């Protein structure tokens, strides 16, 4: 079980993190120089809004939903979890991670296939060389 989990987790993480450098390159190449700082700030705000804030809430809810035995305080309030359904916990956590990573990979795939982007500046370098060679000929 652990060996299978390790392999599947590694594959999912490779797909999930494979686009990080590409996302940065797209951001740096597609945005004008004067707008890059605003773009980086906007991206960080969106990451915080859609990932860093709801992430702990979502996973906390999953952890609470898999609890079988709760302790109780003298006042009758629910306390800490004493026993979890390990099988359900494992499925919920891993399937949630798989779904969220798949959504991210899907959108990265759309960006990758959707445009002819010059991520590495090859077309820009070629245009610069052409302009320089035309200027030298004159």
Protein backbone atom coordinates (compact mmCIF):
# COMPACT_ATOMS: atom_id res chain seq x y z
CA UNK A 1 0.00 0.00 0.00
CA UNK A 2 2.69 2.49 0.91
CA UNK A 3 4.70 1.77 -2.23
CA UNK A 4 1.63 2.35 -4.43
CA UNK A 5 0.78 5.52 -2.53
CA UNK A 6 4.33 6.83 -2.99
CA UNK A 7 4.31 6.20 -6.73
CA UNK A 8 0.87 7.72 -7.30
CA UNK A 9 1.70 10.75 -5.13
CA UNK A 10 4.96 11.28 -6.99
CA UNK A 11 3.20 11.18 -10.37
CA UNK A 12 0.48 13.59 -9.21
CA UNK A 13 3.05 15.99 -7.76
CA UNK A 14 5.14 15.89 -10.93
CA UNK A 15 2.12 16.87 -13.02
CA UNK A 16 1.04 19.50 -10.51
CA UNK A 17 4.41 21.20 -10.29
CA UNK A 18 5.51 20.81 -13.89
CA UNK A 19 3.87 24.04 -14.97
CA UNK A 20 5.23 26.39 -12.33
CA UNK A 21 8.21 27.57 -14.36
CA UNK A 22 6.02 27.83 -17.46
CA UNK A 23 3.53 29.98 -15.57
CA UNK A 24 6.28 32.36 -14.48
CA UNK A 25 7.67 32.53 -18.02
CA UNK A 26 4.23 33.26 -19.45
CA UNK A 27 3.76 36.00 -16.90
CA UNK A 28 7.13 37.55 -17.66
CA UNK A 29 6.80 37.31 -21.45
CA UNK A 30 3.14 38.26 -21.94
CA UNK A 31 3.02 41.33 -19.77
CA UNK A 32 4.54 44.67 -20.62
CA UNK A 33 7.45 45.77 -18.45
CA UNK A 34 5.47 48.53 -16.76
CA UNK A 35 2.71 46.09 -15.71
CA UNK A 36 4.84 43.22 -14.37
CA UNK A 37 4.79 44.32 -10.73
CA UNK A 38 1.02 44.70 -10.74
CA UNK A 39 0.64 41.33 -12.45
CA UNK A 40 2.81 39.57 -9.87
CA UNK A 41 0.81 41.19 -7.07
CA UNK A 42 -2.48 40.19 -8.68
CA UNK A 43 -1.33 36.61 -9.16
CA UNK A 44 -0.22 36.35 -5.52
CA UNK A 45 -3.55 37.80 -4.40
CA UNK A 46 -5.47 35.25 -6.48
CA UNK A 47 -3.33 32.39 -5.17
CA UNK A 48 -4.05 33.53 -1.62
CA UNK A 49 -7.75 33.99 -2.33
CA UNK A 50 -8.34 30.66 -4.07
CA UNK A 51 -5.69 28.38 -2.53
CA UNK A 52 -4.07 29.55 0.69
CA UNK A 53 -7.25 30.72 2.44
CA UNK A 54 -9.77 27.97 1.51
CA UNK A 55 -7.19 25.14 1.53
CA UNK A 56 -6.89 24.75 5.31
CA UNK A 57 -10.65 25.18 5.68
CA UNK A 58 -11.36 22.45 3.11
CA UNK A 59 -8.84 20.00 4.53
CA UNK A 60 -9.93 20.77 8.10
CA UNK A 61 -13.49 19.93 7.10
CA UNK A 62 -12.33 16.66 5.54
CA UNK A 63 -10.41 15.76 8.70
CA UNK A 64 -13.42 16.55 10.89
CA UNK A 65 -15.76 14.54 8.65
CA UNK A 66 -13.65 11.41 9.04
CA UNK A 67 -13.73 11.47 12.84
CA UNK A 68 -15.54 8.54 14.46
CA UNK A 69 -15.15 9.32 18.18
CA UNK A 70 -15.16 12.85 19.59
CA UNK A 71 -14.27 13.76 23.16
CA UNK A 72 -16.68 15.92 25.10
CA UNK A 73 -16.02 18.69 27.58
CA UNK A 74 -17.90 18.99 30.86
CA UNK A 75 -20.06 21.70 29.32
CA UNK A 76 -21.24 19.28 26.62
CA UNK A 77 -19.24 20.87 23.83
CA UNK A 78 -17.45 18.71 21.33
CA UNK A 79 -13.71 18.42 21.97
CA UNK A 80 -10.90 16.79 20.05
CA UNK A 81 -11.18 13.78 17.80
CA UNK A 82 -10.12 10.57 19.49
CA UNK A 83 -10.38 8.15 16.56
CA UNK A 84 -10.48 8.60 12.78
CA UNK A 85 -11.78 6.32 10.06
CA UNK A 86 -8.38 5.82 8.46
CA UNK A 87 -9.65 4.34 5.21
CA UNK A 88 -12.16 7.15 4.64
CA UNK A 89 -9.58 9.74 5.72
CA UNK A 90 -7.07 8.37 3.21
CA UNK A 91 -9.60 8.36 0.36
CA UNK A 92 -10.96 11.84 1.06
CA UNK A 93 -7.54 13.48 1.38
CA UNK A 94 -6.01 11.79 -1.66
CA UNK A 95 -9.05 12.18 -3.91
CA UNK A 96 -9.35 15.85 -3.00
CA UNK A 97 -5.67 16.39 -3.79
CA UNK A 98 -6.08 14.47 -7.06
CA UNK A 99 -9.13 16.52 -8.10
CA UNK A 100 -7.55 19.88 -7.29
CA UNK A 101 -4.29 18.97 -9.01
CA UNK A 102 -6.20 17.71 -12.05
CA UNK A 103 -8.06 21.01 -12.32
CA UNK A 104 -4.75 22.88 -12.22
CA UNK A 105 -3.16 20.59 -14.83
CA UNK A 106 -6.22 21.00 -17.06
CA UNK A 107 -5.94 24.79 -17.01
CA UNK A 108 -2.19 24.62 -17.57
CA UNK A 109 -2.84 22.38 -20.57
CA UNK A 110 -5.35 24.90 -21.94
CA UNK A 111 -2.78 27.68 -21.65
CA UNK A 112 -0.08 25.51 -23.19
CA UNK A 113 -2.23 24.53 -26.19
CA UNK A 114 -4.24 27.71 -26.50
CA UNK A 115 -1.61 30.17 -27.67
CA UNK A 116 1.55 30.43 -29.69
CA UNK A 117 3.63 32.11 -27.04
CA UNK A 118 7.26 33.05 -27.45
CA UNK A 119 8.29 31.92 -23.97
CA UNK A 120 12.01 31.97 -24.54
CA UNK A 121 12.31 35.09 -26.69
CA UNK A 122 13.36 33.28 -29.85
CA UNK A 123 11.03 35.24 -32.14
CA UNK A 124 12.00 38.47 -30.42
CA UNK A 125 15.71 37.73 -30.93
CA UNK A 126 15.07 36.87 -34.56
CA UNK A 127 13.21 40.14 -35.12
CA UNK A 128 16.02 42.09 -33.47
CA UNK A 129 18.61 40.39 -35.71
CA UNK A 130 16.52 41.14 -38.80
CA UNK A 131 16.21 44.81 -37.84
CA UNK A 132 19.93 45.05 -37.19
CA UNK A 133 20.79 43.37 -40.50
CA UNK A 134 18.39 45.68 -42.37
CA UNK A 135 19.94 48.69 -40.67
CA UNK A 136 23.46 47.58 -41.59
CA UNK A 137 22.53 47.07 -45.27
CA UNK A 138 21.20 50.60 -45.60
